[in-house]
Amino acid sequence: MIQKQGNIANRFARLRRAVPALNDNYVISRIASARKKKKDRTFGLEMNNIDDKSIDMRNLMKRDFQSLLENPGKYTKDAAQKEAIKRLRRTWS
């Protein structure tokens, strides 16, 4: 959480740049770094969810999160990128 290079926020940002198709996932598209000031020492993630909490929106969030967990191959064919998604997935579990 406090390492500049290996923290989850930086790993997540690199993965999103490497696998642009991840941005099609509703949950992924809402995640951002929680670091507000340059002097902050922690590097966490937060979910920017400004949408309403309708039943349809909650179902979309659940479906896309489940897709990310169960089918990382949906977003890329590259084996190294699939493994990176799986590693990130293990971080959340």
PDB file of N, CA and C in Angstrom:
ATOM      1  N   MET A   1       0.806  -1.210   0.000  1.00  0.00           N
ATOM      2  CA  MET A   1       0.000   0.000   0.000  1.00  0.00           C
ATOM      3  C   MET A   1       0.846   1.269   0.000  1.00  0.00           C
ATOM      4  N   ILE A   2       2.053   1.216   0.547  1.00  0.00           N
ATOM      5  CA  ILE A   2       2.826   2.452   0.601  1.00  0.00           C
ATOM      6  C   ILE A   2       4.039   2.444  -0.333  1.00  0.00           C
ATOM      7  N   GLN A   3       4.231   1.373  -1.090  1.00  0.00           N
ATOM      8  CA  GLN A   3       5.321   1.335  -2.053  1.00  0.00           C
ATOM      9  C   GLN A   3       4.908   2.088  -3.306  1.00  0.00           C
ATOM     10  N   LYS A   4       5.834   2.914  -3.831  1.00  0.00           N
ATOM     11  CA  LYS A   4       5.487   3.701  -5.005  1.00  0.00           C
ATOM     12  C   LYS A   4       5.317   2.856  -6.259  1.00  0.00           C
ATOM     13  N   GLN A   5       6.132   1.851  -6.460  1.00  0.00           N
ATOM     14  CA  GLN A   5       6.099   1.088  -7.706  1.00  0.00           C
ATOM     15  C   GLN A   5       5.181  -0.133  -7.660  1.00  0.00           C
ATOM     16  N   GLY A   6       5.172  -0.866  -6.566  1.00  0.00           N
ATOM     17  CA  GLY A   6       4.456  -2.127  -6.537  1.00  0.00           C
ATOM     18  C   GLY A   6       3.091  -2.072  -5.894  1.00  0.00           C
ATOM     19  N   ASN A   7       2.556  -0.902  -5.668  1.00  0.00           N
ATOM     20  CA  ASN A   7       1.257  -0.827  -4.998  1.00  0.00           C
ATOM     21  C   ASN A   7       0.127  -1.166  -5.950  1.00  0.00           C
ATOM     22  N   ILE A   8      -1.010  -1.468  -5.384  1.00  0.00           N
ATOM     23  CA  ILE A   8      -2.144  -1.934  -6.185  1.00  0.00           C
ATOM     24  C   ILE A   8      -2.649  -0.873  -7.167  1.00  0.00           C
ATOM     25  N   ALA A   9      -2.597   0.379  -6.792  1.00  0.00           N
ATOM     26  CA  ALA A   9      -3.077   1.434  -7.691  1.00  0.00           C
ATOM     27  C   ALA A   9      -2.216   1.508  -8.947  1.00  0.00           C
ATOM     28  N   ASN A  10      -0.903   1.438  -8.801  1.00  0.00           N
ATOM     29  CA  ASN A  10      -0.018   1.484  -9.969  1.00  0.00           C
ATOM     30  C   ASN A  10      -0.113   0.219 -10.805  1.00  0.00           C
ATOM     31  N   ARG A  11      -0.195  -0.939 -10.152  1.00  0.00           N
ATOM     32  CA  ARG A  11      -0.342  -2.187 -10.901  1.00  0.00           C
ATOM     33  C   ARG A  11      -1.637  -2.174 -11.701  1.00  0.00           C
ATOM     34  N   PHE A  12      -2.682  -1.678 -11.082  1.00  0.00           N
ATOM     35  CA  PHE A  12      -3.980  -1.615 -11.735  1.00  0.00           C
ATOM     36  C   PHE A  12      -3.941  -0.673 -12.938  1.00  0.00           C
ATOM     37  N   ALA A  13      -3.307   0.494 -12.780  1.00  0.00           N
ATOM     38  CA  ALA A  13      -3.208   1.458 -13.876  1.00  0.00           C
ATOM     39  C   ALA A  13      -2.402   0.883 -15.040  1.00  0.00           C
ATOM     40  N   ARG A  14      -1.313   0.192 -14.746  1.00  0.00           N
ATOM     41  CA  ARG A  14      -0.514  -0.427 -15.813  1.00  0.00           C
ATOM     42  C   ARG A  14      -1.325  -1.497 -16.544  1.00  0.00           C
ATOM     43  N   LEU A  15      -2.086  -2.274 -15.806  1.00  0.00           N
ATOM     44  CA  LEU A  15      -2.899  -3.322 -16.412  1.00  0.00           C
ATOM     45  C   LEU A  15      -3.978  -2.724 -17.314  1.00  0.00           C
ATOM     46  N   ARG A  16      -4.593  -1.655 -16.880  1.00  0.00           N
ATOM     47  CA  ARG A  16      -5.623  -1.004 -17.709  1.00  0.00           C
ATOM     48  C   ARG A  16      -5.030  -0.462 -19.002  1.00  0.00           C
ATOM     49  N   ARG A  17      -3.801   0.067 -18.930  1.00  0.00           N
ATOM     50  CA  ARG A  17      -3.146   0.549 -20.153  1.00  0.00           C
ATOM     51  C   ARG A  17      -2.767  -0.615 -21.067  1.00  0.00           C
ATOM     52  N   ALA A  18      -2.335  -1.730 -20.486  1.00  0.00           N
ATOM     53  CA  ALA A  18      -1.920  -2.889 -21.276  1.00  0.00           C
ATOM     54  C   ALA A  18      -3.105  -3.624 -21.899  1.00  0.00           C
ATOM     55  N   VAL A  19      -4.245  -3.619 -21.215  1.00  0.00           N
ATOM     56  CA  VAL A  19      -5.439  -4.343 -21.693  1.00  0.00           C
ATOM     57  C   VAL A  19      -6.613  -3.350 -21.755  1.00  0.00           C
ATOM     58  N   PRO A  20      -6.661  -2.544 -22.807  1.00  0.00           N
ATOM     59  CA  PRO A  20      -7.718  -1.528 -22.903  1.00  0.00           C
ATOM     60  C   PRO A  20      -9.134  -2.092 -22.841  1.00  0.00           C
ATOM     61  N   ALA A  21      -9.325  -3.343 -23.226  1.00  0.00           N
ATOM     62  CA  ALA A  21     -10.664  -3.944 -23.199  1.00  0.00           C
ATOM     63  C   ALA A  21     -11.212  -4.020 -21.774  1.00  0.00           C
ATOM     64  N   LEU A  22     -10.346  -3.963 -20.767  1.00  0.00           N
ATOM     65  CA  LEU A  22     -10.823  -3.971 -19.380  1.00  0.00           C
ATOM     66  C   LEU A  22     -11.703  -2.764 -19.079  1.00  0.00           C
ATOM     67  N   ASN A  23     -11.507  -1.678 -19.793  1.00  0.00           N
ATOM     68  CA  ASN A  23     -12.315  -0.478 -19.562  1.00  0.00           C
ATOM     69  C   ASN A  23     -13.763  -0.668 -19.985  1.00  0.00           C
ATOM     70  N   ASP A  24     -14.046  -1.746 -20.740  1.00  0.00           N
ATOM     71  CA  ASP A  24     -15.428  -2.065 -21.101  1.00  0.00           C
ATOM     72  C   ASP A  24     -16.186  -2.694 -19.931  1.00  0.00           C
ATOM     73  N   ASN A  25     -15.462  -3.145 -18.929  1.00  0.00           N
ATOM     74  CA  ASN A  25     -16.067  -3.732 -17.740  1.00  0.00           C
ATOM     75  C   ASN A  25     -16.532  -2.587 -16.839  1.00  0.00           C
ATOM     76  N   TYR A  26     -17.798  -2.599 -16.462  1.00  0.00           N
ATOM     77  CA  TYR A  26     -18.364  -1.494 -15.675  1.00  0.00           C
ATOM     78  C   TYR A  26     -17.595  -1.258 -14.380  1.00  0.00           C
ATOM     79  N   VAL A  27     -17.275  -2.320 -13.673  1.00  0.00           N
ATOM     80  CA  VAL A  27     -16.589  -2.189 -12.391  1.00  0.00           C
ATOM     81  C   VAL A  27     -15.206  -1.586 -12.604  1.00  0.00           C
ATOM     82  N   ILE A  28     -14.471  -2.104 -13.568  1.00  0.00           N
ATOM     83  CA  ILE A  28     -13.121  -1.621 -13.846  1.00  0.00           C
ATOM     84  C   ILE A  28     -13.151  -0.158 -14.269  1.00  0.00           C
ATOM     85  N   SER A  29     -14.124   0.217 -15.066  1.00  0.00           N
ATOM     86  CA  SER A  29     -14.184   1.593 -15.554  1.00  0.00           C
ATOM     87  C   SER A  29     -14.440   2.602 -14.439  1.00  0.00           C
ATOM     88  N   ARG A  30     -14.913   2.137 -13.287  1.00  0.00           N
ATOM     89  CA  ARG A  30     -15.213   3.040 -12.168  1.00  0.00           C
ATOM     90  C   ARG A  30     -14.104   3.114 -11.120  1.00  0.00           C
ATOM     91  N   ILE A  31     -13.067   2.293 -11.249  1.00  0.00           N
ATOM     92  CA  ILE A  31     -12.016   2.260 -10.237  1.00  0.00           C
ATOM     93  C   ILE A  31     -10.960   3.311 -10.539  1.00  0.00           C
ATOM     94  N   ALA A  32     -10.546   4.023  -9.498  1.00  0.00           N
ATOM     95  CA  ALA A  32      -9.529   5.068  -9.622  1.00  0.00           C
ATOM     96  C   ALA A  32      -8.633   5.047  -8.391  1.00  0.00           C
ATOM     97  N   SER A  33      -7.525   5.708  -8.494  1.00  0.00           N
ATOM     98  CA  SER A  33      -6.600   5.803  -7.370  1.00  0.00           C
ATOM     99  C   SER A  33      -7.237   6.649  -6.269  1.00  0.00           C
ATOM    100  N   ALA A  34      -7.049   6.231  -5.032  1.00  0.00           N
ATOM    101  CA  ALA A  34      -7.596   6.975  -3.902  1.00  0.00           C
ATOM    102  C   ALA A  34      -6.632   8.043  -3.409  1.00  0.00           C
ATOM    103  N   ARG A  35      -5.477   8.110  -4.007  1.00  0.00           N
ATOM    104  CA  ARG A  35      -4.463   9.091  -3.590  1.00  0.00           C
ATOM    105  C   ARG A  35      -4.901  10.471  -4.051  1.00  0.00           C
ATOM    106  N   LYS A  36      -5.115  11.367  -3.118  1.00  0.00           N
ATOM    107  CA  LYS A  36      -5.628  12.698  -3.438  1.00  0.00           C
ATOM    108  C   LYS A  36      -4.526  13.751  -3.553  1.00  0.00           C
ATOM    109  N   LYS A  37      -3.507  13.647  -2.700  1.00  0.00           N
ATOM    110  CA  LYS A  37      -2.433  14.635  -2.692  1.00  0.00           C
ATOM    111  C   LYS A  37      -1.113  13.946  -2.994  1.00  0.00           C
ATOM    112  N   LYS A  38      -0.200  14.680  -3.582  1.00  0.00           N
ATOM    113  CA  LYS A  38       1.093  14.106  -3.923  1.00  0.00           C
ATOM    114  C   LYS A  38       1.842  13.626  -2.683  1.00  0.00           C
ATOM    115  N   LYS A  39       1.599  14.245  -1.545  1.00  0.00           N
ATOM    116  CA  LYS A  39       2.291  13.878  -0.312  1.00  0.00           C
ATOM    117  C   LYS A  39       1.680  12.662   0.379  1.00  0.00           C
ATOM    118  N   ASP A  40       0.504  12.229  -0.058  1.00  0.00           N
ATOM    119  CA  ASP A  40      -0.115  11.044   0.545  1.00  0.00           C
ATOM    120  C   ASP A  40       0.807   9.844   0.389  1.00  0.00           C
ATOM    121  N   ARG A  41       0.932   9.058   1.446  1.00  0.00           N
ATOM    122  CA  ARG A  41       1.834   7.912   1.426  1.00  0.00           C
ATOM    123  C   ARG A  41       1.146   6.607   1.074  1.00  0.00           C
ATOM    124  N   THR A  42      -0.158   6.564   1.083  1.00  0.00           N
ATOM    125  CA  THR A  42      -0.858   5.329   0.762  1.00  0.00           C
ATOM    126  C   THR A  42      -1.391   5.380  -0.667  1.00  0.00           C
ATOM    127  N   PHE A  43      -1.428   4.220  -1.296  1.00  0.00           N
ATOM    128  CA  PHE A  43      -1.862   4.108  -2.682  1.00  0.00           C
ATOM    129  C   PHE A  43      -2.971   3.072  -2.754  1.00  0.00           C
ATOM    130  N   GLY A  44      -4.174   3.470  -2.475  1.00  0.00           N
ATOM    131  CA  GLY A  44      -5.307   2.552  -2.518  1.00  0.00           C
ATOM    132  C   GLY A  44      -6.145   2.774  -3.753  1.00  0.00           C
ATOM    133  N   LEU A  45      -7.262   2.089  -3.807  1.00  0.00           N
ATOM    134  CA  LEU A  45      -8.214   2.233  -4.905  1.00  0.00           C
ATOM    135  C   LEU A  45      -9.567   2.627  -4.338  1.00  0.00           C
ATOM    136  N   GLU A  46     -10.333   3.344  -5.113  1.00  0.00           N
ATOM    137  CA  GLU A  46     -11.700   3.654  -4.739  1.00  0.00           C
ATOM    138  C   GLU A  46     -12.574   3.505  -5.971  1.00  0.00           C
ATOM    139  N   MET A  47     -13.838   3.295  -5.723  1.00  0.00           N
ATOM    140  CA  MET A  47     -14.770   3.131  -6.829  1.00  0.00           C
ATOM    141  C   MET A  47     -15.584   4.404  -6.979  1.00  0.00           C
ATOM    142  N   ASN A  48     -15.416   5.059  -8.113  1.00  0.00           N
ATOM    143  CA  ASN A  48     -16.174   6.267  -8.415  1.00  0.00           C
ATOM    144  C   ASN A  48     -17.499   5.854  -9.016  1.00  0.00           C
ATOM    145  N   ASN A  49     -18.508   5.829  -8.185  1.00  0.00           N
ATOM    146  CA  ASN A  49     -19.804   5.362  -8.639  1.00  0.00           C
ATOM    147  C   ASN A  49     -20.821   6.477  -8.457  1.00  0.00           C
ATOM    148  N   ILE A  50     -20.960   7.284  -9.488  1.00  0.00           N
ATOM    149  CA  ILE A  50     -21.897   8.399  -9.413  1.00  0.00           C
ATOM    150  C   ILE A  50     -23.271   8.027  -9.962  1.00  0.00           C
ATOM    151  N   ASP A  51     -23.371   6.813 -10.484  1.00  0.00           N
ATOM    152  CA  ASP A  51     -24.639   6.358 -11.062  1.00  0.00           C
ATOM    153  C   ASP A  51     -25.637   6.017  -9.961  1.00  0.00           C
ATOM    154  N   ASP A  52     -26.868   5.944 -10.357  1.00  0.00           N
ATOM    155  CA  ASP A  52     -27.894   5.557  -9.390  1.00  0.00           C
ATOM    156  C   ASP A  52     -27.709   4.090  -8.995  1.00  0.00           C
ATOM    157  N   LYS A  53     -28.328   3.705  -7.928  1.00  0.00           N
ATOM    158  CA  LYS A  53     -28.213   2.335  -7.424  1.00  0.00           C
ATOM    159  C   LYS A  53     -29.469   1.539  -7.778  1.00  0.00           C
ATOM    160  N   SER A  54     -29.904   1.679  -8.996  1.00  0.00           N
ATOM    161  CA  SER A  54     -31.086   0.937  -9.424  1.00  0.00           C
ATOM    162  C   SER A  54     -30.765  -0.559  -9.467  1.00  0.00           C
ATOM    163  N   ILE A  55     -31.781  -1.354  -9.534  1.00  0.00           N
ATOM    164  CA  ILE A  55     -31.601  -2.802  -9.600  1.00  0.00           C
ATOM    165  C   ILE A  55     -30.802  -3.176 -10.850  1.00  0.00           C
ATOM    166  N   ASP A  56     -31.103  -2.536 -11.977  1.00  0.00           N
ATOM    167  CA  ASP A  56     -30.369  -2.832 -13.210  1.00  0.00           C
ATOM    168  C   ASP A  56     -28.884  -2.502 -13.064  1.00  0.00           C
ATOM    169  N   MET A  57     -28.571  -1.386 -12.418  1.00  0.00           N
ATOM    170  CA  MET A  57     -27.172  -0.986 -12.244  1.00  0.00           C
ATOM    171  C   MET A  57     -26.448  -1.952 -11.311  1.00  0.00           C
ATOM    172  N   ARG A  58     -27.097  -2.363 -10.246  1.00  0.00           N
ATOM    173  CA  ARG A  58     -26.483  -3.334  -9.332  1.00  0.00           C
ATOM    174  C   ARG A  58     -26.255  -4.659 -10.031  1.00  0.00           C
ATOM    175  N   ASN A  59     -27.202  -5.083 -10.860  1.00  0.00           N
ATOM    176  CA  ASN A  59     -27.042  -6.333 -11.605  1.00  0.00           C
ATOM    177  C   ASN A  59     -25.888  -6.236 -12.599  1.00  0.00           C
ATOM    178  N   LEU A  60     -25.752  -5.090 -13.255  1.00  0.00           N
ATOM    179  CA  LEU A  60     -24.636  -4.874 -14.174  1.00  0.00           C
ATOM    180  C   LEU A  60     -23.304  -4.948 -13.430  1.00  0.00           C
ATOM    181  N   MET A  61     -23.227  -4.325 -12.271  1.00  0.00           N
ATOM    182  CA  MET A  61     -22.001  -4.367 -11.476  1.00  0.00           C
ATOM    183  C   MET A  61     -21.660  -5.800 -11.069  1.00  0.00           C
ATOM    184  N   LYS A  62     -22.634  -6.528 -10.602  1.00  0.00           N
ATOM    185  CA  LYS A  62     -22.404  -7.921 -10.196  1.00  0.00           C
ATOM    186  C   LYS A  62     -21.970  -8.778 -11.378  1.00  0.00           C
ATOM    187  N   ARG A  63     -22.655  -8.624 -12.498  1.00  0.00           N
ATOM    188  CA  ARG A  63     -22.357  -9.426 -13.673  1.00  0.00           C
ATOM    189  C   ARG A  63     -20.938  -9.145 -14.194  1.00  0.00           C
ATOM    190  N   ASP A  64     -20.565  -7.862 -14.265  1.00  0.00           N
ATOM    191  CA  ASP A  64     -19.235  -7.523 -14.770  1.00  0.00           C
ATOM    192  C   ASP A  64     -18.135  -7.934 -13.796  1.00  0.00           C
ATOM    193  N   PHE A  65     -18.389  -7.827 -12.507  1.00  0.00           N
ATOM    194  CA  PHE A  65     -17.385  -8.261 -11.535  1.00  0.00           C
ATOM    195  C   PHE A  65     -17.214  -9.777 -11.604  1.00  0.00           C
ATOM    196  N   GLN A  66     -18.303 -10.500 -11.724  1.00  0.00           N
ATOM    197  CA  GLN A  66     -18.229 -11.948 -11.847  1.00  0.00           C
ATOM    198  C   GLN A  66     -17.496 -12.338 -13.136  1.00  0.00           C
ATOM    199  N   SER A  67     -17.745 -11.631 -14.213  1.00  0.00           N
ATOM    200  CA  SER A  67     -17.058 -11.895 -15.478  1.00  0.00           C
ATOM    201  C   SER A  67     -15.554 -11.707 -15.329  1.00  0.00           C
ATOM    202  N   LEU A  68     -15.161 -10.678 -14.627  1.00  0.00           N
ATOM    203  CA  LEU A  68     -13.738 -10.427 -14.400  1.00  0.00           C
ATOM    204  C   LEU A  68     -13.101 -11.554 -13.601  1.00  0.00           C
ATOM    205  N   LEU A  69     -13.799 -12.018 -12.580  1.00  0.00           N
ATOM    206  CA  LEU A  69     -13.258 -13.076 -11.735  1.00  0.00           C
ATOM    207  C   LEU A  69     -13.205 -14.427 -12.447  1.00  0.00           C
ATOM    208  N   GLU A  70     -14.234 -14.742 -13.191  1.00  0.00           N
ATOM    209  CA  GLU A  70     -14.351 -16.086 -13.759  1.00  0.00           C
ATOM    210  C   GLU A  70     -13.827 -16.222 -15.183  1.00  0.00           C
ATOM    211  N   ASN A  71     -13.733 -15.115 -15.915  1.00  0.00           N
ATOM    212  CA  ASN A  71     -13.366 -15.216 -17.324  1.00  0.00           C
ATOM    213  C   ASN A  71     -12.429 -14.084 -17.749  1.00  0.00           C
ATOM    214  N   PRO A  72     -11.191 -14.066 -17.259  1.00  0.00           N
ATOM    215  CA  PRO A  72     -10.268 -13.002 -17.665  1.00  0.00           C
ATOM    216  C   PRO A  72      -9.918 -13.068 -19.148  1.00  0.00           C
ATOM    217  N   GLY A  73     -10.092 -14.240 -19.767  1.00  0.00           N
ATOM    218  CA  GLY A  73      -9.817 -14.388 -21.189  1.00  0.00           C
ATOM    219  C   GLY A  73     -10.773 -13.613 -22.075  1.00  0.00           C
ATOM    220  N   LYS A  74     -11.854 -13.150 -21.517  1.00  0.00           N
ATOM    221  CA  LYS A  74     -12.823 -12.341 -22.274  1.00  0.00           C
ATOM    222  C   LYS A  74     -12.203 -11.015 -22.711  1.00  0.00           C
ATOM    223  N   TYR A  75     -11.220 -10.550 -21.964  1.00  0.00           N
ATOM    224  CA  TYR A  75     -10.659  -9.226 -22.192  1.00  0.00           C
ATOM    225  C   TYR A  75      -9.375  -9.228 -23.009  1.00  0.00           C
ATOM    226  N   THR A  76      -8.700 -10.381 -23.100  1.00  0.00           N
ATOM    227  CA  THR A  76      -7.463 -10.450 -23.861  1.00  0.00           C
ATOM    228  C   THR A  76      -7.162 -11.893 -24.255  1.00  0.00           C
ATOM    229  N   LYS A  77      -6.438 -12.045 -25.340  1.00  0.00           N
ATOM    230  CA  LYS A  77      -5.983 -13.371 -25.782  1.00  0.00           C
ATOM    231  C   LYS A  77      -4.550 -13.634 -25.308  1.00  0.00           C
ATOM    232  N   ASP A  78      -3.830 -12.582 -24.943  1.00  0.00           N
ATOM    233  CA  ASP A  78      -2.434 -12.691 -24.537  1.00  0.00           C
ATOM    234  C   ASP A  78      -2.316 -13.402 -23.187  1.00  0.00           C
ATOM    235  N   ALA A  79      -1.504 -14.455 -23.143  1.00  0.00           N
ATOM    236  CA  ALA A  79      -1.376 -15.265 -21.925  1.00  0.00           C
ATOM    237  C   ALA A  79      -0.805 -14.457 -20.753  1.00  0.00           C
ATOM    238  N   ALA A  80       0.160 -13.598 -21.027  1.00  0.00           N
ATOM    239  CA  ALA A  80       0.761 -12.801 -19.947  1.00  0.00           C
ATOM    240  C   ALA A  80      -0.252 -11.815 -19.367  1.00  0.00           C
ATOM    241  N   GLN A  81      -1.071 -11.239 -20.224  1.00  0.00           N
ATOM    242  CA  GLN A  81      -2.089 -10.305 -19.751  1.00  0.00           C
ATOM    243  C   GLN A  81      -3.172 -11.029 -18.967  1.00  0.00           C
ATOM    244  N   LYS A  82      -3.542 -12.242 -19.405  1.00  0.00           N
ATOM    245  CA  LYS A  82      -4.513 -13.039 -18.639  1.00  0.00           C
ATOM    246  C   LYS A  82      -3.975 -13.327 -17.249  1.00  0.00           C
ATOM    247  N   GLU A  83      -2.705 -13.660 -17.180  1.00  0.00           N
ATOM    248  CA  GLU A  83      -2.087 -13.937 -15.883  1.00  0.00           C
ATOM    249  C   GLU A  83      -2.059 -12.683 -15.015  1.00  0.00           C
ATOM    250  N   ALA A  84      -1.812 -11.525 -15.611  1.00  0.00           N
ATOM    251  CA  ALA A  84      -1.823 -10.264 -14.854  1.00  0.00           C
ATOM    252  C   ALA A  84      -3.210  -9.982 -14.293  1.00  0.00           C
ATOM    253  N   ILE A  85      -4.245 -10.282 -15.066  1.00  0.00           N
ATOM    254  CA  ILE A  85      -5.620 -10.097 -14.578  1.00  0.00           C
ATOM    255  C   ILE A  85      -5.887 -11.053 -13.427  1.00  0.00           C
ATOM    256  N   LYS A  86      -5.414 -12.287 -13.553  1.00  0.00           N
ATOM    257  CA  LYS A  86      -5.598 -13.262 -12.480  1.00  0.00           C
ATOM    258  C   LYS A  86      -4.871 -12.830 -11.210  1.00  0.00           C
ATOM    259  N   ARG A  87      -3.661 -12.270 -11.351  1.00  0.00           N
ATOM    260  CA  ARG A  87      -2.920 -11.799 -10.174  1.00  0.00           C
ATOM    261  C   ARG A  87      -3.670 -10.659  -9.491  1.00  0.00           C
ATOM    262  N   LEU A  88      -4.207  -9.749 -10.271  1.00  0.00           N
ATOM    263  CA  LEU A  88      -4.982  -8.646  -9.706  1.00  0.00           C
ATOM    264  C   LEU A  88      -6.229  -9.189  -9.026  1.00  0.00           C
ATOM    265  N   ARG A  89      -6.836 -10.162  -9.649  1.00  0.00           N
ATOM    266  CA  ARG A  89      -8.031 -10.808  -9.086  1.00  0.00           C
ATOM    267  C   ARG A  89      -7.723 -11.416  -7.728  1.00  0.00           C
ATOM    268  N   ARG A  90      -6.570 -12.072  -7.596  1.00  0.00           N
ATOM    269  CA  ARG A  90      -6.182 -12.658  -6.314  1.00  0.00           C
ATOM    270  C   ARG A  90      -5.972 -11.595  -5.255  1.00  0.00           C
ATOM    271  N   THR A  91      -5.557 -10.414  -5.659  1.00  0.00           N
ATOM    272  CA  THR A  91      -5.380  -9.306  -4.722  1.00  0.00           C
ATOM    273  C   THR A  91      -6.705  -8.907  -4.114  1.00  0.00           C
ATOM    274  N   TRP A  92      -7.787  -8.964  -4.901  1.00  0.00           N
ATOM    275  CA  TRP A  92      -9.109  -8.564  -4.418  1.00  0.00           C
ATOM    276  C   TRP A  92      -9.770  -9.632  -3.582  1.00  0.00           C
ATOM    277  N   SER A  93      -9.389 -10.883  -3.783  1.00  0.00           N
ATOM    278  CA  SER A  93     -10.066 -11.991  -3.096  1.00  0.00           C
ATOM    279  C   SER A  93      -9.715 -12.055  -1.643  1.00  0.00           C
TER     280      SER A  93
END
